[in-house]
Amino acid sequence: MRAFSVRQLKSNPSTVLKAAQADAMALVTSHQQPKALVVALDRLGLPDTAAVRSGLALSLFQAGTISVASAAQIAGLPLTRFLEILASLRIPVVDGTAADLGDELSQARRWLGQTT
């Protein structure tokens, strides 16, 4: 495993990613102290990397960190399939009340030039 400073990570992230892919992980340091690991999921010997990607995507989406489209991409799934998974887990795609959703839909229709 190779170590990289935060400065190296900022200036050339692809080098850090390549090192992680070659050795399964790379260490990121700040002021010579370990701060993070960059992990190559496909090199960890996990029995189901797709499940790890999906779990990570679901967790990040549920926490509000990423959009549903970004989560689907991280999971490696089509958006429609990811939405089906969210529905099956009863995870809401939008926050807010029914009135908020109605307002959003009205605004979207106006934006698209449709009548409400």
PDB file of N, CA and C in Angstrom:
ATOM      1  N   MET A   1       0.852  -1.170   0.000  1.00  0.00           N
ATOM      2  CA  MET A   1       0.000   0.000   0.000  1.00  0.00           C
ATOM      3  C   MET A   1       0.899   1.236   0.000  1.00  0.00           C
ATOM      4  N   ARG A   2       0.546   2.153  -0.908  1.00  0.00           N
ATOM      5  CA  ARG A   2       1.300   3.409  -0.987  1.00  0.00           C
ATOM      6  C   ARG A   2       0.591   4.502  -0.209  1.00  0.00           C
ATOM      7  N   ALA A   3       1.364   5.476   0.257  1.00  0.00           N
ATOM      8  CA  ALA A   3       0.811   6.620   0.989  1.00  0.00           C
ATOM      9  C   ALA A   3       0.945   7.878   0.135  1.00  0.00           C
ATOM     10  N   PHE A   4      -0.072   8.723   0.225  1.00  0.00           N
ATOM     11  CA  PHE A   4      -0.113   9.975  -0.517  1.00  0.00           C
ATOM     12  C   PHE A   4      -0.549  11.077   0.429  1.00  0.00           C
ATOM     13  N   SER A   5       0.010  12.254   0.233  1.00  0.00           N
ATOM     14  CA  SER A   5      -0.424  13.394   1.028  1.00  0.00           C
ATOM     15  C   SER A   5      -1.721  13.946   0.448  1.00  0.00           C
ATOM     16  N   VAL A   6      -2.409  14.742   1.243  1.00  0.00           N
ATOM     17  CA  VAL A   6      -3.622  15.394   0.760  1.00  0.00           C
ATOM     18  C   VAL A   6      -3.285  16.255  -0.450  1.00  0.00           C
ATOM     19  N   ARG A   7      -2.150  16.901  -0.424  1.00  0.00           N
ATOM     20  CA  ARG A   7      -1.717  17.736  -1.556  1.00  0.00           C
ATOM     21  C   ARG A   7      -1.594  16.891  -2.832  1.00  0.00           C
ATOM     22  N   GLN A   8      -1.005  15.699  -2.709  1.00  0.00           N
ATOM     23  CA  GLN A   8      -0.894  14.818  -3.871  1.00  0.00           C
ATOM     24  C   GLN A   8      -2.269  14.377  -4.355  1.00  0.00           C
ATOM     25  N   LEU A   9      -3.157  14.095  -3.421  1.00  0.00           N
ATOM     26  CA  LEU A   9      -4.510  13.691  -3.786  1.00  0.00           C
ATOM     27  C   LEU A   9      -5.218  14.805  -4.543  1.00  0.00           C
ATOM     28  N   LYS A  10      -5.074  16.039  -4.069  1.00  0.00           N
ATOM     29  CA  LYS A  10      -5.714  17.176  -4.734  1.00  0.00           C
ATOM     30  C   LYS A  10      -5.131  17.430  -6.117  1.00  0.00           C
ATOM     31  N   SER A  11      -3.808  17.329  -6.236  1.00  0.00           N
ATOM     32  CA  SER A  11      -3.167  17.675  -7.505  1.00  0.00           C
ATOM     33  C   SER A  11      -3.298  16.589  -8.562  1.00  0.00           C
ATOM     34  N   ASN A  12      -3.378  15.324  -8.145  1.00  0.00           N
ATOM     35  CA  ASN A  12      -3.458  14.248  -9.123  1.00  0.00           C
ATOM     36  C   ASN A  12      -4.230  13.057  -8.550  1.00  0.00           C
ATOM     37  N   PRO A  13      -5.559  13.193  -8.438  1.00  0.00           N
ATOM     38  CA  PRO A  13      -6.339  12.111  -7.830  1.00  0.00           C
ATOM     39  C   PRO A  13      -6.269  10.799  -8.608  1.00  0.00           C
ATOM     40  N   SER A  14      -6.072  10.863  -9.911  1.00  0.00           N
ATOM     41  CA  SER A  14      -6.030   9.613 -10.682  1.00  0.00           C
ATOM     42  C   SER A  14      -4.842   8.743 -10.272  1.00  0.00           C
ATOM     43  N   THR A  15      -3.735   9.345  -9.861  1.00  0.00           N
ATOM     44  CA  THR A  15      -2.583   8.571  -9.396  1.00  0.00           C
ATOM     45  C   THR A  15      -2.932   7.792  -8.132  1.00  0.00           C
ATOM     46  N   VAL A  16      -3.656   8.431  -7.235  1.00  0.00           N
ATOM     47  CA  VAL A  16      -4.063   7.770  -5.995  1.00  0.00           C
ATOM     48  C   VAL A  16      -5.037   6.635  -6.305  1.00  0.00           C
ATOM     49  N   LEU A  17      -5.972   6.885  -7.203  1.00  0.00           N
ATOM     50  CA  LEU A  17      -6.934   5.836  -7.574  1.00  0.00           C
ATOM     51  C   LEU A  17      -6.231   4.650  -8.230  1.00  0.00           C
ATOM     52  N   LYS A  18      -5.276   4.926  -9.102  1.00  0.00           N
ATOM     53  CA  LYS A  18      -4.536   3.837  -9.758  1.00  0.00           C
ATOM     54  C   LYS A  18      -3.752   3.022  -8.731  1.00  0.00           C
ATOM     55  N   ALA A  19      -3.166   3.701  -7.760  1.00  0.00           N
ATOM     56  CA  ALA A  19      -2.429   2.989  -6.714  1.00  0.00           C
ATOM     57  C   ALA A  19      -3.374   2.125  -5.890  1.00  0.00           C
ATOM     58  N   ALA A  20      -4.565   2.652  -5.588  1.00  0.00           N
ATOM     59  CA  ALA A  20      -5.543   1.871  -4.832  1.00  0.00           C
ATOM     60  C   ALA A  20      -5.991   0.654  -5.629  1.00  0.00           C
ATOM     61  N   GLN A  21      -6.188   0.819  -6.925  1.00  0.00           N
ATOM     62  CA  GLN A  21      -6.596  -0.310  -7.755  1.00  0.00           C
ATOM     63  C   GLN A  21      -5.493  -1.357  -7.853  1.00  0.00           C
ATOM     64  N   ALA A  22      -4.252  -0.915  -7.860  1.00  0.00           N
ATOM     65  CA  ALA A  22      -3.130  -1.852  -7.958  1.00  0.00           C
ATOM     66  C   ALA A  22      -2.912  -2.628  -6.657  1.00  0.00           C
ATOM     67  N   ASP A  23      -3.082  -1.948  -5.515  1.00  0.00           N
ATOM     68  CA  ASP A  23      -2.783  -2.560  -4.216  1.00  0.00           C
ATOM     69  C   ASP A  23      -4.010  -2.789  -3.332  1.00  0.00           C
ATOM     70  N   ALA A  24      -5.198  -2.583  -3.839  1.00  0.00           N
ATOM     71  CA  ALA A  24      -6.466  -2.708  -3.123  1.00  0.00           C
ATOM     72  C   ALA A  24      -6.804  -1.467  -2.296  1.00  0.00           C
ATOM     73  N   MET A  25      -5.791  -0.704  -1.863  1.00  0.00           N
ATOM     74  CA  MET A  25      -6.067   0.531  -1.142  1.00  0.00           C
ATOM     75  C   MET A  25      -4.840   1.431  -1.131  1.00  0.00           C
ATOM     76  N   ALA A  26      -5.082   2.710  -0.883  1.00  0.00           N
ATOM     77  CA  ALA A  26      -4.007   3.694  -0.749  1.00  0.00           C
ATOM     78  C   ALA A  26      -4.308   4.553   0.477  1.00  0.00           C
ATOM     79  N   LEU A  27      -3.276   4.947   1.170  1.00  0.00           N
ATOM     80  CA  LEU A  27      -3.408   5.746   2.379  1.00  0.00           C
ATOM     81  C   LEU A  27      -3.264   7.220   2.030  1.00  0.00           C
ATOM     82  N   VAL A  28      -4.112   8.056   2.616  1.00  0.00           N
ATOM     83  CA  VAL A  28      -4.012   9.501   2.447  1.00  0.00           C
ATOM     84  C   VAL A  28      -3.626  10.083   3.794  1.00  0.00           C
ATOM     85  N   THR A  29      -2.576  10.905   3.792  1.00  0.00           N
ATOM     86  CA  THR A  29      -2.074  11.485   5.036  1.00  0.00           C
ATOM     87  C   THR A  29      -2.177  13.005   5.002  1.00  0.00           C
ATOM     88  N   SER A  30      -2.246  13.585   6.173  1.00  0.00           N
ATOM     89  CA  SER A  30      -2.189  15.029   6.346  1.00  0.00           C
ATOM     90  C   SER A  30      -1.215  15.302   7.470  1.00  0.00           C
ATOM     91  N   HIS A  31      -0.200  16.082   7.197  1.00  0.00           N
ATOM     92  CA  HIS A  31       0.862  16.349   8.175  1.00  0.00           C
ATOM     93  C   HIS A  31       1.454  15.049   8.697  1.00  0.00           C
ATOM     94  N   GLN A  32       1.651  14.119   7.784  1.00  0.00           N
ATOM     95  CA  GLN A  32       2.249  12.809   8.023  1.00  0.00           C
ATOM     96  C   GLN A  32       1.434  11.919   8.964  1.00  0.00           C
ATOM     97  N   GLN A  33       0.168  12.252   9.138  1.00  0.00           N
ATOM     98  CA  GLN A  33      -0.728  11.442   9.956  1.00  0.00           C
ATOM     99  C   GLN A  33      -1.769  10.794   9.050  1.00  0.00           C
ATOM    100  N   PRO A  34      -2.065   9.505   9.224  1.00  0.00           N
ATOM    101  CA  PRO A  34      -3.079   8.858   8.389  1.00  0.00           C
ATOM    102  C   PRO A  34      -4.446   9.506   8.603  1.00  0.00           C
ATOM    103  N   LYS A  35      -5.118   9.815   7.511  1.00  0.00           N
ATOM    104  CA  LYS A  35      -6.431  10.457   7.594  1.00  0.00           C
ATOM    105  C   LYS A  35      -7.517   9.677   6.874  1.00  0.00           C
ATOM    106  N   ALA A  36      -7.173   8.959   5.794  1.00  0.00           N
ATOM    107  CA  ALA A  36      -8.204   8.253   5.031  1.00  0.00           C
ATOM    108  C   ALA A  36      -7.589   7.121   4.233  1.00  0.00           C
ATOM    109  N   LEU A  37      -8.437   6.178   3.876  1.00  0.00           N
ATOM    110  CA  LEU A  37      -8.047   5.099   2.975  1.00  0.00           C
ATOM    111  C   LEU A  37      -8.880   5.217   1.704  1.00  0.00           C
ATOM    112  N   VAL A  38      -8.231   5.100   0.568  1.00  0.00           N
ATOM    113  CA  VAL A  38      -8.928   4.988  -0.709  1.00  0.00           C
ATOM    114  C   VAL A  38      -8.928   3.501  -1.024  1.00  0.00           C
ATOM    115  N   VAL A  39     -10.126   2.935  -1.123  1.00  0.00           N
ATOM    116  CA  VAL A  39     -10.265   1.493  -1.253  1.00  0.00           C
ATOM    117  C   VAL A  39     -10.808   1.138  -2.632  1.00  0.00           C
ATOM    118  N   ALA A  40     -10.170   0.181  -3.287  1.00  0.00           N
ATOM    119  CA  ALA A  40     -10.660  -0.347  -4.560  1.00  0.00           C
ATOM    120  C   ALA A  40     -11.622  -1.479  -4.249  1.00  0.00           C
ATOM    121  N   LEU A  41     -12.905  -1.215  -4.407  1.00  0.00           N
ATOM    122  CA  LEU A  41     -13.913  -2.204  -4.019  1.00  0.00           C
ATOM    123  C   LEU A  41     -13.725  -3.541  -4.722  1.00  0.00           C
ATOM    124  N   ASP A  42     -13.344  -3.499  -5.990  1.00  0.00           N
ATOM    125  CA  ASP A  42     -13.221  -4.753  -6.741  1.00  0.00           C
ATOM    126  C   ASP A  42     -11.986  -5.563  -6.353  1.00  0.00           C
ATOM    127  N   ARG A  43     -11.096  -4.991  -5.553  1.00  0.00           N
ATOM    128  CA  ARG A  43      -9.888  -5.707  -5.135  1.00  0.00           C
ATOM    129  C   ARG A  43      -9.963  -6.225  -3.709  1.00  0.00           C
ATOM    130  N   LEU A  44     -11.076  -6.025  -3.033  1.00  0.00           N
ATOM    131  CA  LEU A  44     -11.176  -6.430  -1.630  1.00  0.00           C
ATOM    132  C   LEU A  44     -11.583  -7.882  -1.443  1.00  0.00           C
ATOM    133  N   GLY A  45     -11.908  -8.552  -2.527  1.00  0.00           N
ATOM    134  CA  GLY A  45     -12.313  -9.945  -2.411  1.00  0.00           C
ATOM    135  C   GLY A  45     -13.697 -10.118  -1.826  1.00  0.00           C
ATOM    136  N   LEU A  46     -14.518  -9.102  -1.948  1.00  0.00           N
ATOM    137  CA  LEU A  46     -15.885  -9.193  -1.448  1.00  0.00           C
ATOM    138  C   LEU A  46     -16.694 -10.113  -2.351  1.00  0.00           C
ATOM    139  N   PRO A  47     -17.568 -10.912  -1.774  1.00  0.00           N
ATOM    140  CA  PRO A  47     -18.337 -11.844  -2.610  1.00  0.00           C
ATOM    141  C   PRO A  47     -19.336 -11.141  -3.523  1.00  0.00           C
ATOM    142  N   ASP A  48     -19.807  -9.952  -3.152  1.00  0.00           N
ATOM    143  CA  ASP A  48     -20.824  -9.271  -3.952  1.00  0.00           C
ATOM    144  C   ASP A  48     -20.565  -7.768  -3.960  1.00  0.00           C
ATOM    145  N   THR A  49     -19.660  -7.334  -4.827  1.00  0.00           N
ATOM    146  CA  THR A  49     -19.323  -5.913  -4.919  1.00  0.00           C
ATOM    147  C   THR A  49     -20.532  -5.080  -5.316  1.00  0.00           C
ATOM    148  N   ALA A  50     -21.407  -5.629  -6.147  1.00  0.00           N
ATOM    149  CA  ALA A  50     -22.604  -4.894  -6.572  1.00  0.00           C
ATOM    150  C   ALA A  50     -23.486  -4.560  -5.370  1.00  0.00           C
ATOM    151  N   ALA A  51     -23.582  -5.471  -4.417  1.00  0.00           N
ATOM    152  CA  ALA A  51     -24.383  -5.210  -3.223  1.00  0.00           C
ATOM    153  C   ALA A  51     -23.751  -4.106  -2.375  1.00  0.00           C
ATOM    154  N   VAL A  52     -22.433  -4.072  -2.312  1.00  0.00           N
ATOM    155  CA  VAL A  52     -21.742  -3.022  -1.566  1.00  0.00           C
ATOM    156  C   VAL A  52     -22.006  -1.671  -2.226  1.00  0.00           C
ATOM    157  N   ARG A  53     -21.913  -1.625  -3.559  1.00  0.00           N
ATOM    158  CA  ARG A  53     -22.180  -0.380  -4.289  1.00  0.00           C
ATOM    159  C   ARG A  53     -23.623   0.075  -4.062  1.00  0.00           C
ATOM    160  N   SER A  54     -24.564  -0.858  -4.120  1.00  0.00           N
ATOM    161  CA  SER A  54     -25.972  -0.510  -3.910  1.00  0.00           C
ATOM    162  C   SER A  54     -26.210  -0.016  -2.484  1.00  0.00           C
ATOM    163  N   GLY A  55     -25.624  -0.691  -1.525  1.00  0.00           N
ATOM    164  CA  GLY A  55     -25.767  -0.273  -0.133  1.00  0.00           C
ATOM    165  C   GLY A  55     -25.184   1.104   0.115  1.00  0.00           C
ATOM    166  N   LEU A  56     -24.033   1.362  -0.467  1.00  0.00           N
ATOM    167  CA  LEU A  56     -23.410   2.675  -0.340  1.00  0.00           C
ATOM    168  C   LEU A  56     -24.295   3.740  -0.977  1.00  0.00           C
ATOM    169  N   ALA A  57     -24.809   3.448  -2.164  1.00  0.00           N
ATOM    170  CA  ALA A  57     -25.670   4.401  -2.865  1.00  0.00           C
ATOM    171  C   ALA A  57     -26.935   4.686  -2.062  1.00  0.00           C
ATOM    172  N   LEU A  58     -27.562   3.643  -1.545  1.00  0.00           N
ATOM    173  CA  LEU A  58     -28.770   3.822  -0.735  1.00  0.00           C
ATOM    174  C   LEU A  58     -28.490   4.659   0.509  1.00  0.00           C
ATOM    175  N   SER A  59     -27.394   4.372   1.161  1.00  0.00           N
ATOM    176  CA  SER A  59     -27.036   5.104   2.372  1.00  0.00           C
ATOM    177  C   SER A  59     -26.778   6.581   2.083  1.00  0.00           C
ATOM    178  N   LEU A  60     -26.023   6.858   1.034  1.00  0.00           N
ATOM    179  CA  LEU A  60     -25.729   8.248   0.683  1.00  0.00           C
ATOM    180  C   LEU A  60     -26.986   8.999   0.263  1.00  0.00           C
ATOM    181  N   PHE A  61     -27.865   8.333  -0.502  1.00  0.00           N
ATOM    182  CA  PHE A  61     -29.112   8.973  -0.913  1.00  0.00           C
ATOM    183  C   PHE A  61     -30.004   9.245   0.287  1.00  0.00           C
ATOM    184  N   GLN A  62     -30.158   8.262   1.152  1.00  0.00           N
ATOM    185  CA  GLN A  62     -31.031   8.396   2.316  1.00  0.00           C
ATOM    186  C   GLN A  62     -30.529   9.498   3.250  1.00  0.00           C
ATOM    187  N   ALA A  63     -29.230   9.684   3.309  1.00  0.00           N
ATOM    188  CA  ALA A  63     -28.655  10.734   4.153  1.00  0.00           C
ATOM    189  C   ALA A  63     -28.788  12.119   3.510  1.00  0.00           C
ATOM    190  N   GLY A  64     -29.223  12.157   2.245  1.00  0.00           N
ATOM    191  CA  GLY A  64     -29.371  13.432   1.555  1.00  0.00           C
ATOM    192  C   GLY A  64     -28.076  13.967   0.982  1.00  0.00           C
ATOM    193  N   THR A  65     -27.064  13.117   0.917  1.00  0.00           N
ATOM    194  CA  THR A  65     -25.760  13.537   0.429  1.00  0.00           C
ATOM    195  C   THR A  65     -25.710  13.628  -1.085  1.00  0.00           C
ATOM    196  N   ILE A  66     -26.433  12.749  -1.763  1.00  0.00           N
ATOM    197  CA  ILE A  66     -26.423  12.715  -3.225  1.00  0.00           C
ATOM    198  C   ILE A  66     -27.847  12.611  -3.761  1.00  0.00           C
ATOM    199  N   SER A  67     -28.014  12.939  -5.034  1.00  0.00           N
ATOM    200  CA  SER A  67     -29.318  12.856  -5.680  1.00  0.00           C
ATOM    201  C   SER A  67     -29.652  11.405  -5.995  1.00  0.00           C
ATOM    202  N   VAL A  68     -30.908  11.179  -6.341  1.00  0.00           N
ATOM    203  CA  VAL A  68     -31.335   9.829  -6.701  1.00  0.00           C
ATOM    204  C   VAL A  68     -30.631   9.373  -7.979  1.00  0.00           C
ATOM    205  N   ALA A  69     -30.410  10.282  -8.909  1.00  0.00           N
ATOM    206  CA  ALA A  69     -29.713   9.914 -10.151  1.00  0.00           C
ATOM    207  C   ALA A  69     -28.260   9.530  -9.867  1.00  0.00           C
ATOM    208  N   SER A  70     -27.605  10.274  -8.994  1.00  0.00           N
ATOM    209  CA  SER A  70     -26.224   9.939  -8.629  1.00  0.00           C
ATOM    210  C   SER A  70     -26.162   8.611  -7.895  1.00  0.00           C
ATOM    211  N   ALA A  71     -27.145   8.368  -7.047  1.00  0.00           N
ATOM    212  CA  ALA A  71     -27.182   7.102  -6.312  1.00  0.00           C
ATOM    213  C   ALA A  71     -27.353   5.926  -7.267  1.00  0.00           C
ATOM    214  N   ALA A  72     -28.224   6.084  -8.252  1.00  0.00           N
ATOM    215  CA  ALA A  72     -28.415   5.018  -9.238  1.00  0.00           C
ATOM    216  C   ALA A  72     -27.119   4.746  -9.984  1.00  0.00           C
ATOM    217  N   GLN A  73     -26.406   5.807 -10.311  1.00  0.00           N
ATOM    218  CA  GLN A  73     -25.135   5.658 -11.025  1.00  0.00           C
ATOM    219  C   GLN A  73     -24.109   4.930 -10.156  1.00  0.00           C
ATOM    220  N   ILE A  74     -24.001   5.293  -8.884  1.00  0.00           N
ATOM    221  CA  ILE A  74     -23.071   4.619  -7.974  1.00  0.00           C
ATOM    222  C   ILE A  74     -23.433   3.144  -7.846  1.00  0.00           C
ATOM    223  N   ALA A  75     -24.726   2.864  -7.776  1.00  0.00           N
ATOM    224  CA  ALA A  75     -25.179   1.479  -7.655  1.00  0.00           C
ATOM    225  C   ALA A  75     -24.982   0.703  -8.947  1.00  0.00           C
ATOM    226  N   GLY A  76     -24.748   1.420 -10.045  1.00  0.00           N
ATOM    227  CA  GLY A  76     -24.578   0.750 -11.330  1.00  0.00           C
ATOM    228  C   GLY A  76     -25.896   0.228 -11.882  1.00  0.00           C
ATOM    229  N   LEU A  77     -26.974   0.936 -11.553  1.00  0.00           N
ATOM    230  CA  LEU A  77     -28.311   0.504 -11.957  1.00  0.00           C
ATOM    231  C   LEU A  77     -28.992   1.586 -12.788  1.00  0.00           C
ATOM    232  N   PRO A  78     -29.897   1.175 -13.673  1.00  0.00           N
ATOM    233  CA  PRO A  78     -30.724   2.175 -14.354  1.00  0.00           C
ATOM    234  C   PRO A  78     -31.575   2.914 -13.315  1.00  0.00           C
ATOM    235  N   LEU A  79     -31.870   4.164 -13.575  1.00  0.00           N
ATOM    236  CA  LEU A  79     -32.639   4.970 -12.628  1.00  0.00           C
ATOM    237  C   LEU A  79     -33.972   4.310 -12.281  1.00  0.00           C
ATOM    238  N   THR A  80     -34.649   3.759 -13.280  1.00  0.00           N
ATOM    239  CA  THR A  80     -35.945   3.132 -13.012  1.00  0.00           C
ATOM    240  C   THR A  80     -35.807   1.969 -12.032  1.00  0.00           C
ATOM    241  N   ARG A  81     -34.774   1.166 -12.177  1.00  0.00           N
ATOM    242  CA  ARG A  81     -34.563   0.030 -11.259  1.00  0.00           C
ATOM    243  C   ARG A  81     -34.235   0.530  -9.854  1.00  0.00           C
ATOM    244  N   PHE A  82     -33.424   1.596  -9.766  1.00  0.00           N
ATOM    245  CA  PHE A  82     -33.077   2.144  -8.455  1.00  0.00           C
ATOM    246  C   PHE A  82     -34.325   2.706  -7.772  1.00  0.00           C
ATOM    247  N   LEU A  83     -35.201   3.353  -8.539  1.00  0.00           N
ATOM    248  CA  LEU A  83     -36.445   3.865  -7.979  1.00  0.00           C
ATOM    249  C   LEU A  83     -37.327   2.723  -7.476  1.00  0.00           C
ATOM    250  N   GLU A  84     -37.342   1.610  -8.192  1.00  0.00           N
ATOM    251  CA  GLU A  84     -38.099   0.441  -7.744  1.00  0.00           C
ATOM    252  C   GLU A  84     -37.563  -0.078  -6.410  1.00  0.00           C
ATOM    253  N   ILE A  85     -36.257  -0.093  -6.278  1.00  0.00           N
ATOM    254  CA  ILE A  85     -35.644  -0.547  -5.025  1.00  0.00           C
ATOM    255  C   ILE A  85     -36.020   0.390  -3.879  1.00  0.00           C
ATOM    256  N   LEU A  86     -35.949   1.698  -4.136  1.00  0.00           N
ATOM    257  CA  LEU A  86     -36.344   2.664  -3.106  1.00  0.00           C
ATOM    258  C   LEU A  86     -37.793   2.430  -2.679  1.00  0.00           C
ATOM    259  N   ALA A  87     -38.662   2.224  -3.659  1.00  0.00           N
ATOM    260  CA  ALA A  87     -40.080   1.991  -3.349  1.00  0.00           C
ATOM    261  C   ALA A  87     -40.249   0.719  -2.528  1.00  0.00           C
ATOM    262  N   SER A  88     -39.535  -0.338  -2.899  1.00  0.00           N
ATOM    263  CA  SER A  88     -39.676  -1.600  -2.162  1.00  0.00           C
ATOM    264  C   SER A  88     -39.178  -1.474  -0.727  1.00  0.00           C
ATOM    265  N   LEU A  89     -38.223  -0.585  -0.499  1.00  0.00           N
ATOM    266  CA  LEU A  89     -37.692  -0.353   0.849  1.00  0.00           C
ATOM    267  C   LEU A  89     -38.433   0.765   1.585  1.00  0.00           C
ATOM    268  N   ARG A  90     -39.440   1.335   0.908  1.00  0.00           N
ATOM    269  CA  ARG A  90     -40.233   2.441   1.456  1.00  0.00           C
ATOM    270  C   ARG A  90     -39.369   3.643   1.824  1.00  0.00           C
ATOM    271  N   ILE A  91     -38.387   3.918   0.981  1.00  0.00           N
ATOM    272  CA  ILE A  91     -37.541   5.091   1.146  1.00  0.00           C
ATOM    273  C   ILE A  91     -38.091   6.177   0.225  1.00  0.00           C
ATOM    274  N   PRO A  92     -38.540   7.301   0.776  1.00  0.00           N
ATOM    275  CA  PRO A  92     -39.117   8.346  -0.074  1.00  0.00           C
ATOM    276  C   PRO A  92     -38.074   8.964  -0.994  1.00  0.00           C
ATOM    277  N   VAL A  93     -38.518   9.282  -2.196  1.00  0.00           N
ATOM    278  CA  VAL A  93     -37.623   9.891  -3.181  1.00  0.00           C
ATOM    279  C   VAL A  93     -37.540  11.394  -2.968  1.00  0.00           C
ATOM    280  N   VAL A  94     -38.613  11.978  -2.453  1.00  0.00           N
ATOM    281  CA  VAL A  94     -38.641  13.423  -2.203  1.00  0.00           C
ATOM    282  C   VAL A  94     -39.012  13.675  -0.759  1.00  0.00           C
ATOM    283  N   ASP A  95     -38.533  14.779  -0.248  1.00  0.00           N
ATOM    284  CA  ASP A  95     -38.915  15.233   1.080  1.00  0.00           C
ATOM    285  C   ASP A  95     -40.035  16.245   0.929  1.00  0.00           C
ATOM    286  N   GLY A  96     -40.881  16.335   1.900  1.00  0.00           N
ATOM    287  CA  GLY A  96     -41.925  17.348   1.877  1.00  0.00           C
ATOM    288  C   GLY A  96     -43.304  16.730   1.967  1.00  0.00           C
ATOM    289  N   THR A  97     -44.276  17.616   1.980  1.00  0.00           N
ATOM    290  CA  THR A  97     -45.665  17.194   2.096  1.00  0.00           C
ATOM    291  C   THR A  97     -46.266  16.999   0.717  1.00  0.00           C
ATOM    292  N   ALA A  98     -47.466  16.480   0.688  1.00  0.00           N
ATOM    293  CA  ALA A  98     -48.186  16.318  -0.580  1.00  0.00           C
ATOM    294  C   ALA A  98     -48.409  17.678  -1.236  1.00  0.00           C
ATOM    295  N   ALA A  99     -48.679  18.698  -0.422  1.00  0.00           N
ATOM    296  CA  ALA A  99     -48.867  20.054  -0.962  1.00  0.00           C
ATOM    297  C   ALA A  99     -47.580  20.557  -1.618  1.00  0.00           C
ATOM    298  N   ASP A 100     -46.443  20.291  -0.969  1.00  0.00           N
ATOM    299  CA  ASP A 100     -45.155  20.691  -1.551  1.00  0.00           C
ATOM    300  C   ASP A 100     -44.943  20.012  -2.893  1.00  0.00           C
ATOM    301  N   LEU A 101     -45.258  18.723  -2.946  1.00  0.00           N
ATOM    302  CA  LEU A 101     -45.100  17.985  -4.188  1.00  0.00           C
ATOM    303  C   LEU A 101     -46.023  18.531  -5.268  1.00  0.00           C
ATOM    304  N   GLY A 102     -47.253  18.865  -4.892  1.00  0.00           N
ATOM    305  CA  GLY A 102     -48.187  19.465  -5.845  1.00  0.00           C
ATOM    306  C   GLY A 102     -47.664  20.775  -6.398  1.00  0.00           C
ATOM    307  N   ASP A 103     -47.093  21.594  -5.527  1.00  0.00           N
ATOM    308  CA  ASP A 103     -46.497  22.863  -5.967  1.00  0.00           C
ATOM    309  C   ASP A 103     -45.340  22.615  -6.932  1.00  0.00           C
ATOM    310  N   GLU A 104     -44.503  21.663  -6.602  1.00  0.00           N
ATOM    311  CA  GLU A 104     -43.375  21.329  -7.466  1.00  0.00           C
ATOM    312  C   GLU A 104     -43.846  20.859  -8.841  1.00  0.00           C
ATOM    313  N   LEU A 105     -44.869  20.009  -8.859  1.00  0.00           N
ATOM    314  CA  LEU A 105     -45.396  19.514 -10.132  1.00  0.00           C
ATOM    315  C   LEU A 105     -46.001  20.653 -10.948  1.00  0.00           C
ATOM    316  N   SER A 106     -46.717  21.558 -10.290  1.00  0.00           N
ATOM    317  CA  SER A 106     -47.298  22.713 -10.997  1.00  0.00           C
ATOM    318  C   SER A 106     -46.201  23.573 -11.610  1.00  0.00           C
ATOM    319  N   GLN A 107     -45.161  23.819 -10.851  1.00  0.00           N
ATOM    320  CA  GLN A 107     -44.045  24.620 -11.372  1.00  0.00           C
ATOM    321  C   GLN A 107     -43.368  23.911 -12.539  1.00  0.00           C
ATOM    322  N   ALA A 108     -43.198  22.610 -12.434  1.00  0.00           N
ATOM    323  CA  ALA A 108     -42.572  21.860 -13.522  1.00  0.00           C
ATOM    324  C   ALA A 108     -43.430  21.920 -14.780  1.00  0.00           C
ATOM    325  N   ARG A 109     -44.747  21.781 -14.625  1.00  0.00           N
ATOM    326  CA  ARG A 109     -45.638  21.858 -15.784  1.00  0.00           C
ATOM    327  C   ARG A 109     -45.574  23.231 -16.433  1.00  0.00           C
ATOM    328  N   ARG A 110     -45.565  24.282 -15.620  1.00  0.00           N
ATOM    329  CA  ARG A 110     -45.452  25.644 -16.169  1.00  0.00           C
ATOM    330  C   ARG A 110     -44.127  25.799 -16.902  1.00  0.00           C
ATOM    331  N   TRP A 111     -43.082  25.286 -16.316  1.00  0.00           N
ATOM    332  CA  TRP A 111     -41.758  25.387 -16.931  1.00  0.00           C
ATOM    333  C   TRP A 111     -41.727  24.655 -18.275  1.00  0.00           C
ATOM    334  N   LEU A 112     -42.417  23.531 -18.347  1.00  0.00           N
ATOM    335  CA  LEU A 112     -42.476  22.757 -19.578  1.00  0.00           C
ATOM    336  C   LEU A 112     -43.497  23.318 -20.568  1.00  0.00           C
ATOM    337  N   GLY A 113     -44.218  24.372 -20.147  1.00  0.00           N
ATOM    338  CA  GLY A 113     -45.188  24.993 -21.048  1.00  0.00           C
ATOM    339  C   GLY A 113     -46.514  24.291 -21.089  1.00  0.00           C
ATOM    340  N   GLN A 114     -46.810  23.488 -20.102  1.00  0.00           N
ATOM    341  CA  GLN A 114     -48.083  22.775 -20.046  1.00  0.00           C
ATOM    342  C   GLN A 114     -49.030  23.545 -19.129  1.00  0.00           C
ATOM    343  N   THR A 115     -50.310  23.307 -19.306  1.00  0.00           N
ATOM    344  CA  THR A 115     -51.290  23.916 -18.420  1.00  0.00           C
ATOM    345  C   THR A 115     -51.465  23.039 -17.191  1.00  0.00           C
ATOM    346  N   THR A 116     -51.869  23.673 -16.101  1.00  0.00           N
ATOM    347  CA  THR A 116     -52.063  22.912 -14.865  1.00  0.00           C
ATOM    348  C   THR A 116     -53.513  22.619 -14.619  1.00  0.00           C
TER     349      THR A 116
END
